């Protein structure tokens, strides 16, 4: 489960690396933030398409 800053940077790269290593990856949406609203949304769409679970709460 990932939380932190910046969706388009650290969150995305960590999630993608974890997926490549075979981990199931979840991102806690209330605990992340992006540089821009559009970049944040686009990155979340990409992560969802790659198989990352996006969670509103745990």
Protein backbone atom coordinates (compact mmCIF):
# COMPACT_ATOMS: atom_id res chain seq x y z
CA UNK A 1 0.00 0.00 0.00
CA UNK A 2 1.41 3.34 -1.06
CA UNK A 3 0.90 6.85 0.27
CA UNK A 4 2.89 10.04 -0.16
CA UNK A 5 3.82 12.76 -2.63
CA UNK A 6 4.01 13.18 -5.83
CA UNK A 7 1.59 10.94 -7.73
CA UNK A 8 3.33 11.55 -11.06
CA UNK A 9 6.76 10.81 -9.60
CA UNK A 10 7.47 8.72 -6.54
CA UNK A 11 4.08 7.07 -6.25
CA UNK A 12 3.96 6.03 -9.92
CA UNK A 13 7.56 4.81 -10.12
CA UNK A 14 7.31 2.86 -6.86
CA UNK A 15 4.01 1.28 -7.89
CA UNK A 16 5.33 0.26 -11.31
CA UNK A 17 8.53 -1.18 -9.84
CA UNK A 18 6.53 -3.14 -7.27
CA UNK A 19 4.23 -4.51 -10.00
CA UNK A 20 7.26 -5.62 -12.02
CA UNK A 21 8.53 -7.48 -8.96
CA UNK A 22 5.21 -9.30 -8.65
CA UNK A 23 3.68 -7.41 -5.74
CA UNK A 24 0.00 -6.57 -5.49
CA UNK A 25 -0.07 -2.78 -5.24
CA UNK A 26 -2.67 -0.50 -3.69
CA UNK A 27 -2.64 3.28 -3.48
CA UNK A 28 -4.52 5.03 -0.69
CA UNK A 29 -6.08 7.97 -2.54
CA UNK A 30 -6.68 10.32 0.42
CA UNK A 31 -3.00 9.99 1.33
CA UNK A 32 -1.45 11.05 -1.99
CA UNK A 33 -1.13 14.29 -3.94
CA UNK A 34 0.07 15.27 -7.37
CA UNK A 35 1.80 18.27 -8.92
CA UNK A 36 -1.24 19.20 -11.01
CA UNK A 37 -4.84 17.98 -10.99
CA UNK A 38 -4.59 16.74 -14.60
CA UNK A 39 -1.26 15.00 -14.05
CA UNK A 40 -2.62 13.39 -10.90
CA UNK A 41 -5.72 12.08 -12.73
CA UNK A 42 -3.75 10.87 -15.75
CA UNK A 43 -1.27 9.02 -13.57
CA UNK A 44 -4.03 7.36 -11.55
CA UNK A 45 -5.71 6.25 -14.79
CA UNK A 46 -2.41 4.75 -15.98
CA UNK A 47 -1.79 2.98 -12.68
CA UNK A 48 -5.33 1.57 -12.67
CA UNK A 49 -4.77 0.29 -16.23
CA UNK A 50 -1.57 -1.43 -15.07
CA UNK A 51 -3.43 -3.24 -12.28
CA UNK A 52 -2.91 -1.02 -9.26
CA UNK A 53 -5.84 -0.96 -6.84
CA UNK A 54 -6.97 2.55 -5.95
CA UNK A 55 -8.48 2.75 -2.47
CA UNK A 56 -10.68 5.49 -1.08
CA UNK A 57 -10.21 4.07 2.44
CA UNK A 58 -8.82 1.02 4.21
